[in-house]
N, C-alpha and C. Protein backbone atom coordinates (compact mmCIF):
# COMPACT_ATOMS: atom_id res chain seq x y z
N MET A 1 -16.55 2.49 -7.12
CA MET A 1 -16.04 1.89 -8.34
C MET A 1 -15.84 3.00 -9.35
N PRO A 2 -14.62 3.29 -9.72
CA PRO A 2 -14.36 4.38 -10.67
C PRO A 2 -14.91 4.10 -12.07
N GLU A 3 -15.45 5.14 -12.66
CA GLU A 3 -16.03 5.04 -14.00
C GLU A 3 -14.93 5.18 -15.05
N LEU A 4 -14.93 4.25 -16.01
CA LEU A 4 -14.00 4.30 -17.14
C LEU A 4 -14.58 5.08 -18.31
N SER A 5 -15.87 4.84 -18.59
CA SER A 5 -16.49 5.47 -19.76
C SER A 5 -18.01 5.39 -19.63
N ARG A 6 -18.68 6.21 -20.45
CA ARG A 6 -20.14 6.22 -20.49
C ARG A 6 -20.56 6.59 -21.91
N PHE A 7 -21.43 5.77 -22.50
CA PHE A 7 -21.92 6.06 -23.85
C PHE A 7 -23.19 5.27 -24.12
N PHE A 8 -24.11 5.88 -24.87
CA PHE A 8 -25.38 5.24 -25.27
C PHE A 8 -26.11 4.59 -24.10
N GLY A 9 -26.08 5.21 -22.94
CA GLY A 9 -26.76 4.67 -21.77
C GLY A 9 -26.01 3.55 -21.06
N ILE A 10 -24.81 3.25 -21.52
CA ILE A 10 -23.97 2.19 -20.94
C ILE A 10 -22.91 2.85 -20.07
N THR A 11 -22.72 2.32 -18.87
CA THR A 11 -21.67 2.80 -17.98
C THR A 11 -20.65 1.68 -17.80
N VAL A 12 -19.38 2.02 -17.96
CA VAL A 12 -18.28 1.06 -17.82
C VAL A 12 -17.45 1.48 -16.62
N LYS A 13 -17.24 0.54 -15.70
CA LYS A 13 -16.46 0.83 -14.50
C LYS A 13 -15.40 -0.24 -14.29
N MET A 14 -14.39 0.10 -13.47
CA MET A 14 -13.36 -0.85 -13.11
C MET A 14 -13.07 -0.70 -11.62
N LEU A 15 -12.99 -1.82 -10.93
CA LEU A 15 -12.72 -1.82 -9.49
C LEU A 15 -11.22 -1.83 -9.21
N PHE A 16 -10.83 -1.28 -8.09
CA PHE A 16 -9.46 -1.42 -7.62
C PHE A 16 -9.32 -2.80 -6.97
N SER A 17 -8.15 -3.42 -7.12
CA SER A 17 -7.84 -4.72 -6.52
C SER A 17 -8.89 -5.78 -6.83
N ASP A 18 -9.39 -5.81 -8.05
CA ASP A 18 -10.48 -6.72 -8.44
C ASP A 18 -9.97 -7.91 -9.25
N ASN A 19 -8.88 -8.54 -8.77
CA ASN A 19 -8.31 -9.65 -9.54
C ASN A 19 -8.45 -10.99 -8.82
N VAL A 20 -9.35 -11.08 -7.85
CA VAL A 20 -9.50 -12.32 -7.09
C VAL A 20 -10.62 -13.19 -7.65
N LYS A 21 -11.80 -12.63 -7.86
CA LYS A 21 -12.96 -13.44 -8.25
C LYS A 21 -12.84 -14.02 -9.66
N HIS A 22 -12.49 -13.20 -10.64
CA HIS A 22 -12.48 -13.67 -12.03
C HIS A 22 -11.09 -14.06 -12.53
N HIS A 23 -10.05 -13.63 -11.86
CA HIS A 23 -8.67 -13.99 -12.20
C HIS A 23 -8.25 -13.63 -13.62
N LYS A 24 -8.89 -12.67 -14.21
CA LYS A 24 -8.45 -12.19 -15.53
C LYS A 24 -8.84 -10.72 -15.65
N PRO A 25 -8.12 -9.97 -16.45
CA PRO A 25 -8.45 -8.54 -16.62
C PRO A 25 -9.86 -8.37 -17.15
N HIS A 26 -10.63 -7.51 -16.48
CA HIS A 26 -12.03 -7.31 -16.85
C HIS A 26 -12.52 -5.96 -16.37
N PHE A 27 -13.74 -5.63 -16.80
CA PHE A 27 -14.41 -4.40 -16.37
C PHE A 27 -15.88 -4.74 -16.14
N HIS A 28 -16.59 -3.81 -15.56
CA HIS A 28 -17.99 -4.01 -15.22
C HIS A 28 -18.86 -3.07 -16.05
N VAL A 29 -19.97 -3.58 -16.56
CA VAL A 29 -20.84 -2.83 -17.44
C VAL A 29 -22.24 -2.77 -16.83
N TYR A 30 -22.84 -1.58 -16.92
CA TYR A 30 -24.19 -1.35 -16.40
C TYR A 30 -25.03 -0.73 -17.51
N TYR A 31 -26.19 -1.32 -17.75
CA TYR A 31 -27.12 -0.80 -18.74
C TYR A 31 -28.53 -1.08 -18.25
N ASN A 32 -29.28 -0.04 -17.92
CA ASN A 32 -30.61 -0.20 -17.33
C ASN A 32 -30.54 -1.18 -16.16
N ASP A 33 -31.29 -2.27 -16.20
CA ASP A 33 -31.28 -3.25 -15.11
C ASP A 33 -30.26 -4.36 -15.34
N PHE A 34 -29.47 -4.27 -16.38
CA PHE A 34 -28.49 -5.30 -16.71
C PHE A 34 -27.12 -4.94 -16.15
N THR A 35 -26.41 -5.95 -15.68
CA THR A 35 -25.02 -5.78 -15.26
C THR A 35 -24.22 -6.97 -15.77
N ALA A 36 -22.95 -6.74 -16.07
CA ALA A 36 -22.10 -7.82 -16.54
C ALA A 36 -20.65 -7.50 -16.23
N SER A 37 -19.89 -8.55 -15.99
CA SER A 37 -18.44 -8.45 -15.90
C SER A 37 -17.91 -8.99 -17.22
N ILE A 38 -17.12 -8.17 -17.91
CA ILE A 38 -16.65 -8.51 -19.25
C ILE A 38 -15.12 -8.52 -19.25
N GLY A 39 -14.53 -9.61 -19.73
CA GLY A 39 -13.08 -9.66 -19.89
C GLY A 39 -12.64 -8.65 -20.95
N ILE A 40 -11.44 -8.15 -20.81
CA ILE A 40 -10.94 -7.20 -21.80
C ILE A 40 -10.94 -7.84 -23.19
N ASP A 41 -10.86 -9.16 -23.25
CA ASP A 41 -10.92 -9.87 -24.53
C ASP A 41 -12.35 -10.01 -25.06
N GLY A 42 -13.36 -9.49 -24.32
CA GLY A 42 -14.75 -9.52 -24.77
C GLY A 42 -15.58 -10.66 -24.21
N GLU A 43 -14.97 -11.56 -23.45
CA GLU A 43 -15.69 -12.69 -22.87
C GLU A 43 -16.59 -12.23 -21.72
N ILE A 44 -17.83 -12.73 -21.70
CA ILE A 44 -18.72 -12.44 -20.57
C ILE A 44 -18.33 -13.36 -19.42
N LEU A 45 -17.92 -12.78 -18.30
CA LEU A 45 -17.51 -13.55 -17.14
C LEU A 45 -18.66 -13.78 -16.18
N GLU A 46 -19.58 -12.82 -16.14
CA GLU A 46 -20.72 -12.93 -15.24
C GLU A 46 -21.78 -11.94 -15.68
N GLY A 47 -23.06 -12.29 -15.49
CA GLY A 47 -24.14 -11.40 -15.84
C GLY A 47 -24.51 -11.47 -17.31
N SER A 48 -25.26 -10.45 -17.75
CA SER A 48 -25.70 -10.42 -19.15
C SER A 48 -26.03 -8.99 -19.57
N LEU A 49 -26.04 -8.80 -20.87
CA LEU A 49 -26.42 -7.53 -21.50
C LEU A 49 -27.28 -7.86 -22.71
N PRO A 50 -28.15 -6.94 -23.13
CA PRO A 50 -28.85 -7.14 -24.40
C PRO A 50 -27.82 -7.26 -25.53
N HIS A 51 -28.19 -7.98 -26.57
CA HIS A 51 -27.28 -8.27 -27.69
C HIS A 51 -26.65 -6.99 -28.28
N LYS A 52 -27.47 -6.00 -28.54
CA LYS A 52 -26.97 -4.76 -29.15
C LYS A 52 -25.93 -4.09 -28.27
N GLN A 53 -26.19 -3.98 -26.98
CA GLN A 53 -25.25 -3.34 -26.06
C GLN A 53 -23.98 -4.18 -25.91
N MET A 54 -24.12 -5.49 -25.94
CA MET A 54 -22.94 -6.36 -25.87
C MET A 54 -22.03 -6.14 -27.06
N LYS A 55 -22.61 -6.02 -28.24
CA LYS A 55 -21.82 -5.77 -29.45
C LYS A 55 -21.12 -4.41 -29.36
N LEU A 56 -21.80 -3.38 -28.83
CA LEU A 56 -21.18 -2.07 -28.65
C LEU A 56 -20.00 -2.16 -27.69
N ILE A 57 -20.19 -2.87 -26.57
CA ILE A 57 -19.12 -3.01 -25.58
C ILE A 57 -17.94 -3.77 -26.16
N GLN A 58 -18.20 -4.82 -26.91
CA GLN A 58 -17.11 -5.59 -27.51
C GLN A 58 -16.33 -4.74 -28.51
N ALA A 59 -17.03 -3.93 -29.30
CA ALA A 59 -16.35 -3.04 -30.25
C ALA A 59 -15.53 -2.00 -29.50
N TRP A 60 -16.10 -1.40 -28.48
CA TRP A 60 -15.40 -0.40 -27.67
C TRP A 60 -14.15 -1.00 -27.04
N ALA A 61 -14.28 -2.21 -26.48
CA ALA A 61 -13.15 -2.88 -25.83
C ALA A 61 -12.04 -3.20 -26.84
N ALA A 62 -12.42 -3.61 -28.04
CA ALA A 62 -11.41 -3.91 -29.07
C ALA A 62 -10.65 -2.64 -29.47
N ILE A 63 -11.37 -1.54 -29.61
CA ILE A 63 -10.74 -0.27 -29.99
C ILE A 63 -9.81 0.23 -28.89
N HIS A 64 -10.19 0.03 -27.64
CA HIS A 64 -9.46 0.59 -26.50
C HIS A 64 -8.72 -0.48 -25.69
N GLU A 65 -8.35 -1.58 -26.33
CA GLU A 65 -7.72 -2.69 -25.62
C GLU A 65 -6.46 -2.27 -24.85
N ASP A 66 -5.58 -1.53 -25.48
CA ASP A 66 -4.34 -1.11 -24.81
C ASP A 66 -4.64 -0.23 -23.59
N GLU A 67 -5.58 0.69 -23.75
CA GLU A 67 -5.96 1.56 -22.63
C GLU A 67 -6.61 0.76 -21.50
N LEU A 68 -7.41 -0.24 -21.84
CA LEU A 68 -8.05 -1.06 -20.83
C LEU A 68 -7.00 -1.85 -20.03
N TYR A 69 -6.01 -2.42 -20.71
CA TYR A 69 -4.95 -3.14 -19.99
C TYR A 69 -4.14 -2.19 -19.12
N GLU A 70 -3.89 -1.00 -19.61
CA GLU A 70 -3.17 0.00 -18.81
C GLU A 70 -3.98 0.35 -17.56
N SER A 71 -5.28 0.57 -17.72
CA SER A 71 -6.15 0.86 -16.58
C SER A 71 -6.19 -0.32 -15.62
N TRP A 72 -6.28 -1.53 -16.15
CA TRP A 72 -6.32 -2.73 -15.31
C TRP A 72 -5.05 -2.84 -14.47
N ASN A 73 -3.90 -2.66 -15.12
CA ASN A 73 -2.63 -2.77 -14.40
C ASN A 73 -2.52 -1.74 -13.28
N LYS A 74 -3.06 -0.57 -13.49
CA LYS A 74 -3.07 0.44 -12.44
C LYS A 74 -4.08 0.07 -11.35
N ALA A 75 -5.26 -0.37 -11.74
CA ALA A 75 -6.32 -0.68 -10.78
C ALA A 75 -5.93 -1.80 -9.82
N VAL A 76 -5.27 -2.84 -10.30
CA VAL A 76 -4.89 -3.93 -9.41
C VAL A 76 -3.82 -3.49 -8.41
N LYS A 77 -3.14 -2.39 -8.70
CA LYS A 77 -2.16 -1.83 -7.76
C LYS A 77 -2.75 -0.67 -6.96
N ASN A 78 -4.08 -0.49 -7.07
CA ASN A 78 -4.78 0.59 -6.37
C ASN A 78 -4.30 1.97 -6.79
N GLU A 79 -3.89 2.11 -8.03
CA GLU A 79 -3.48 3.40 -8.57
C GLU A 79 -4.60 3.98 -9.42
N PRO A 80 -4.79 5.28 -9.38
CA PRO A 80 -5.83 5.89 -10.21
C PRO A 80 -5.53 5.73 -11.70
N PHE A 81 -6.60 5.66 -12.49
CA PHE A 81 -6.47 5.54 -13.94
C PHE A 81 -7.35 6.57 -14.62
N GLU A 82 -7.05 6.83 -15.87
CA GLU A 82 -7.77 7.84 -16.65
C GLU A 82 -9.05 7.27 -17.25
N LYS A 83 -10.01 8.15 -17.52
CA LYS A 83 -11.20 7.75 -18.27
C LYS A 83 -10.82 7.43 -19.72
N ILE A 84 -11.62 6.60 -20.35
CA ILE A 84 -11.40 6.21 -21.74
C ILE A 84 -12.50 6.81 -22.59
N LYS A 85 -12.14 7.28 -23.78
CA LYS A 85 -13.12 7.91 -24.66
C LYS A 85 -14.31 6.99 -24.96
N PRO A 86 -15.49 7.55 -24.98
CA PRO A 86 -16.68 6.75 -25.34
C PRO A 86 -16.78 6.57 -26.85
N LEU A 87 -17.64 5.65 -27.25
CA LEU A 87 -17.98 5.53 -28.67
C LEU A 87 -18.81 6.76 -29.03
N GLN A 88 -18.68 7.23 -30.25
CA GLN A 88 -19.45 8.40 -30.66
C GLN A 88 -20.18 8.13 -31.95
């Protein structure tokens, strides 16, 4: 699973051809023992994150929405995509 970004102990990844289970553009988030699938619109599709990390992910996704959709469109076609800048 290719890594999109990493910041504040949070890892964001996106799978290739991952449009079957959730049927909407999304990414996967890992923080300690927590995992979640998050829609690019910020909706939690599966799993959970602590409140603070969820707010950080939602802010990051809002800032990088265009880049996330670009990455998603490439990923569903099995094309490589670029990393996205972390929050600083």
